[in-house]
């Protein structure tokens, strides 16, 4: 029985690493902001989730800054 060998994956030479960095950073930011948008609260002896934007109304304009949807 032969041992397995890991193959080295070489990216295409014309691949732009900066764009890859921007993509990964964008995904991390989206995950963090979604994680931060939920505010746990204790109500009636139970932990319930509240939307931060519903609790702090002045935050809703900030949601538009990250909205990439250009449709009318």
N, C-alpha and C. Protein backbone atom coordinates (compact mmCIF):
# COMPACT_ATOMS: atom_id res chain seq x y z
N UNK A 1 0.84 -1.18 0.00
CA UNK A 1 0.00 0.00 0.00
C UNK A 1 0.88 1.24 0.00
N UNK A 2 0.62 2.13 -0.90
CA UNK A 2 1.42 3.35 -1.00
C UNK A 2 0.78 4.46 -0.19
N UNK A 3 1.61 5.33 0.36
CA UNK A 3 1.11 6.48 1.11
C UNK A 3 0.56 7.54 0.16
N UNK A 4 -0.40 8.28 0.61
CA UNK A 4 -0.97 9.32 -0.25
C UNK A 4 -0.04 10.53 -0.28
N UNK A 5 -0.07 11.21 -1.38
CA UNK A 5 0.76 12.40 -1.53
C UNK A 5 -0.15 13.59 -1.77
N UNK A 6 0.12 14.65 -1.09
CA UNK A 6 -0.65 15.87 -1.29
C UNK A 6 -0.17 16.56 -2.55
N UNK A 7 -1.10 16.98 -3.36
CA UNK A 7 -0.74 17.69 -4.57
C UNK A 7 -0.70 19.18 -4.30
N UNK A 8 0.28 19.83 -4.88
CA UNK A 8 0.42 21.26 -4.73
C UNK A 8 -0.39 21.93 -5.84
N UNK A 9 -1.31 22.79 -5.43
CA UNK A 9 -2.12 23.51 -6.41
C UNK A 9 -1.46 24.84 -6.70
N UNK A 10 -1.13 25.05 -7.95
CA UNK A 10 -0.48 26.28 -8.37
C UNK A 10 -1.53 27.16 -9.04
N UNK A 11 -1.75 28.38 -8.53
CA UNK A 11 -2.75 29.26 -9.16
C UNK A 11 -2.30 29.69 -10.55
N UNK A 12 -3.28 30.04 -11.35
CA UNK A 12 -2.96 30.52 -12.69
C UNK A 12 -2.07 31.75 -12.60
N UNK A 13 -1.11 31.88 -13.49
CA UNK A 13 -0.18 33.01 -13.40
C UNK A 13 -0.83 34.37 -13.60
N UNK A 14 -1.99 34.40 -14.26
CA UNK A 14 -2.65 35.69 -14.49
C UNK A 14 -3.68 36.02 -13.42
N UNK A 15 -3.76 35.23 -12.36
CA UNK A 15 -4.73 35.46 -11.29
C UNK A 15 -4.29 36.65 -10.44
N UNK A 16 -5.22 37.56 -10.19
CA UNK A 16 -4.92 38.77 -9.42
C UNK A 16 -5.14 38.49 -7.93
N UNK A 17 -4.08 38.42 -7.18
CA UNK A 17 -4.16 38.11 -5.75
C UNK A 17 -4.82 39.23 -4.96
N UNK A 18 -4.72 40.47 -5.40
CA UNK A 18 -5.35 41.57 -4.70
C UNK A 18 -6.87 41.42 -4.73
N UNK A 19 -7.40 41.01 -5.87
CA UNK A 19 -8.85 40.80 -5.99
C UNK A 19 -9.29 39.67 -5.07
N UNK A 20 -8.47 38.62 -4.96
CA UNK A 20 -8.78 37.55 -4.02
C UNK A 20 -8.83 38.07 -2.59
N UNK A 21 -7.90 38.93 -2.23
CA UNK A 21 -7.87 39.52 -0.90
C UNK A 21 -9.12 40.37 -0.65
N UNK A 22 -9.52 41.15 -1.64
CA UNK A 22 -10.72 41.98 -1.52
C UNK A 22 -11.95 41.10 -1.33
N UNK A 23 -12.04 40.01 -2.07
CA UNK A 23 -13.18 39.10 -1.95
C UNK A 23 -13.26 38.47 -0.57
N UNK A 24 -12.13 37.97 -0.09
CA UNK A 24 -12.12 37.34 1.23
C UNK A 24 -12.44 38.35 2.31
N UNK A 25 -11.87 39.54 2.22
CA UNK A 25 -12.15 40.59 3.20
C UNK A 25 -13.62 40.96 3.20
N UNK A 26 -14.21 41.05 2.03
CA UNK A 26 -15.64 41.38 1.92
C UNK A 26 -16.50 40.31 2.58
N UNK A 27 -16.16 39.06 2.36
CA UNK A 27 -16.95 37.98 2.98
C UNK A 27 -16.83 38.01 4.50
N UNK A 28 -15.64 38.28 5.00
CA UNK A 28 -15.45 38.35 6.45
C UNK A 28 -16.25 39.51 7.04
N UNK A 29 -16.24 40.66 6.37
CA UNK A 29 -16.99 41.82 6.84
C UNK A 29 -18.49 41.52 6.87
N UNK A 30 -19.00 40.88 5.84
CA UNK A 30 -20.43 40.55 5.79
C UNK A 30 -20.80 39.62 6.95
N UNK A 31 -19.99 38.60 7.19
CA UNK A 31 -20.27 37.67 8.29
C UNK A 31 -20.23 38.40 9.63
N UNK A 32 -19.23 39.23 9.85
CA UNK A 32 -19.13 39.97 11.12
C UNK A 32 -20.31 40.91 11.32
N UNK A 33 -20.70 41.63 10.29
CA UNK A 33 -21.82 42.57 10.43
C UNK A 33 -23.13 41.83 10.67
N UNK A 34 -23.32 40.69 10.04
CA UNK A 34 -24.53 39.91 10.32
C UNK A 34 -24.50 39.39 11.75
N UNK A 35 -23.35 39.01 12.21
CA UNK A 35 -23.21 38.51 13.57
C UNK A 35 -23.50 39.62 14.58
N UNK A 36 -23.04 40.82 14.28
CA UNK A 36 -23.24 41.95 15.19
C UNK A 36 -24.66 42.53 15.12
N UNK A 37 -25.42 42.20 14.08
CA UNK A 37 -26.75 42.81 13.92
C UNK A 37 -27.80 42.19 14.84
N UNK A 38 -27.46 41.10 15.51
CA UNK A 38 -28.39 40.47 16.42
C UNK A 38 -28.00 40.84 17.85
N UNK A 39 -28.97 41.36 18.60
CA UNK A 39 -28.70 41.78 19.97
C UNK A 39 -29.51 40.91 20.93
N UNK A 40 -28.85 40.03 21.67
CA UNK A 40 -29.59 39.21 22.63
C UNK A 40 -30.13 40.06 23.78
N UNK A 41 -31.33 39.71 24.25
CA UNK A 41 -31.96 40.45 25.33
C UNK A 41 -32.67 39.44 26.24
N UNK A 42 -32.76 39.77 27.50
CA UNK A 42 -33.45 38.91 28.45
C UNK A 42 -34.87 39.47 28.65
N UNK A 43 -35.87 38.70 28.21
CA UNK A 43 -37.27 39.13 28.32
C UNK A 43 -38.09 38.00 28.91
N UNK A 44 -38.67 38.23 30.06
CA UNK A 44 -39.50 37.22 30.71
C UNK A 44 -38.74 35.97 31.12
N UNK A 45 -37.48 36.16 31.47
CA UNK A 45 -36.67 35.02 31.88
C UNK A 45 -36.11 34.20 30.74
N UNK A 46 -36.33 34.65 29.49
CA UNK A 46 -35.81 33.94 28.32
C UNK A 46 -34.93 34.86 27.51
N UNK A 47 -33.94 34.29 26.87
CA UNK A 47 -33.08 35.07 25.99
C UNK A 47 -33.74 35.13 24.62
N UNK A 48 -33.98 36.34 24.14
CA UNK A 48 -34.57 36.55 22.82
C UNK A 48 -33.63 37.41 21.99
N UNK A 49 -33.70 37.21 20.69
CA UNK A 49 -32.86 38.00 19.78
C UNK A 49 -33.64 39.20 19.27
N UNK A 50 -32.98 40.33 19.25
CA UNK A 50 -33.58 41.54 18.71
C UNK A 50 -32.68 42.07 17.60
N UNK A 51 -33.30 42.69 16.63
CA UNK A 51 -32.55 43.33 15.56
C UNK A 51 -32.02 44.67 16.07
N UNK A 52 -30.74 44.89 15.93
CA UNK A 52 -30.12 46.13 16.42
C UNK A 52 -30.74 47.35 15.75
N UNK A 53 -31.06 47.24 14.48
CA UNK A 53 -31.63 48.38 13.75
C UNK A 53 -33.02 48.73 14.31
N UNK A 54 -33.77 47.75 14.78
CA UNK A 54 -35.08 48.02 15.37
C UNK A 54 -34.94 48.68 16.74
N UNK A 55 -33.87 48.39 17.44
CA UNK A 55 -33.66 48.95 18.78
C UNK A 55 -33.05 50.34 18.70
N UNK A 56 -32.13 50.55 17.76
CA UNK A 56 -31.47 51.86 17.59
C UNK A 56 -31.84 52.37 16.20
N UNK A 57 -32.93 53.14 16.09
CA UNK A 57 -33.45 53.55 14.78
C UNK A 57 -32.47 54.34 13.91
N UNK A 58 -31.54 55.04 14.50
CA UNK A 58 -30.61 55.84 13.71
C UNK A 58 -29.62 55.03 12.89
N UNK A 59 -29.62 53.73 13.07
CA UNK A 59 -28.68 52.88 12.33
C UNK A 59 -29.18 52.48 10.95
N UNK A 60 -30.46 52.63 10.67
CA UNK A 60 -30.98 52.15 9.39
C UNK A 60 -30.33 52.78 8.17
N UNK A 61 -29.91 54.07 8.20
CA UNK A 61 -29.23 54.59 7.00
C UNK A 61 -27.91 53.87 6.71
N UNK A 62 -27.27 53.34 7.74
CA UNK A 62 -26.02 52.62 7.53
C UNK A 62 -26.22 51.33 6.75
N UNK A 63 -27.42 50.76 6.85
CA UNK A 63 -27.66 49.53 6.10
C UNK A 63 -27.66 49.79 4.60
N UNK A 64 -27.97 51.00 4.20
CA UNK A 64 -27.99 51.34 2.78
C UNK A 64 -26.58 51.47 2.22
N UNK A 65 -25.62 51.84 3.05
CA UNK A 65 -24.25 52.05 2.55
C UNK A 65 -23.64 50.74 2.05
N UNK A 66 -24.02 49.63 2.65
CA UNK A 66 -23.46 48.36 2.22
C UNK A 66 -24.33 47.62 1.23
N UNK A 67 -25.46 48.19 0.85
CA UNK A 67 -26.37 47.54 -0.08
C UNK A 67 -25.86 47.72 -1.50
N UNK A 68 -25.47 46.64 -2.12
CA UNK A 68 -24.95 46.71 -3.47
C UNK A 68 -25.99 46.53 -4.54
N UNK A 69 -27.26 46.49 -4.18
CA UNK A 69 -28.33 46.27 -5.14
C UNK A 69 -28.63 47.57 -5.87
N UNK A 70 -28.41 47.60 -7.18
CA UNK A 70 -28.62 48.81 -7.96
C UNK A 70 -29.98 48.85 -8.64
N UNK A 71 -30.83 47.87 -8.38
CA UNK A 71 -32.15 47.86 -9.02
C UNK A 71 -33.03 48.95 -8.41
N UNK A 72 -33.94 49.53 -9.21
CA UNK A 72 -34.84 50.57 -8.68
C UNK A 72 -35.86 50.01 -7.73
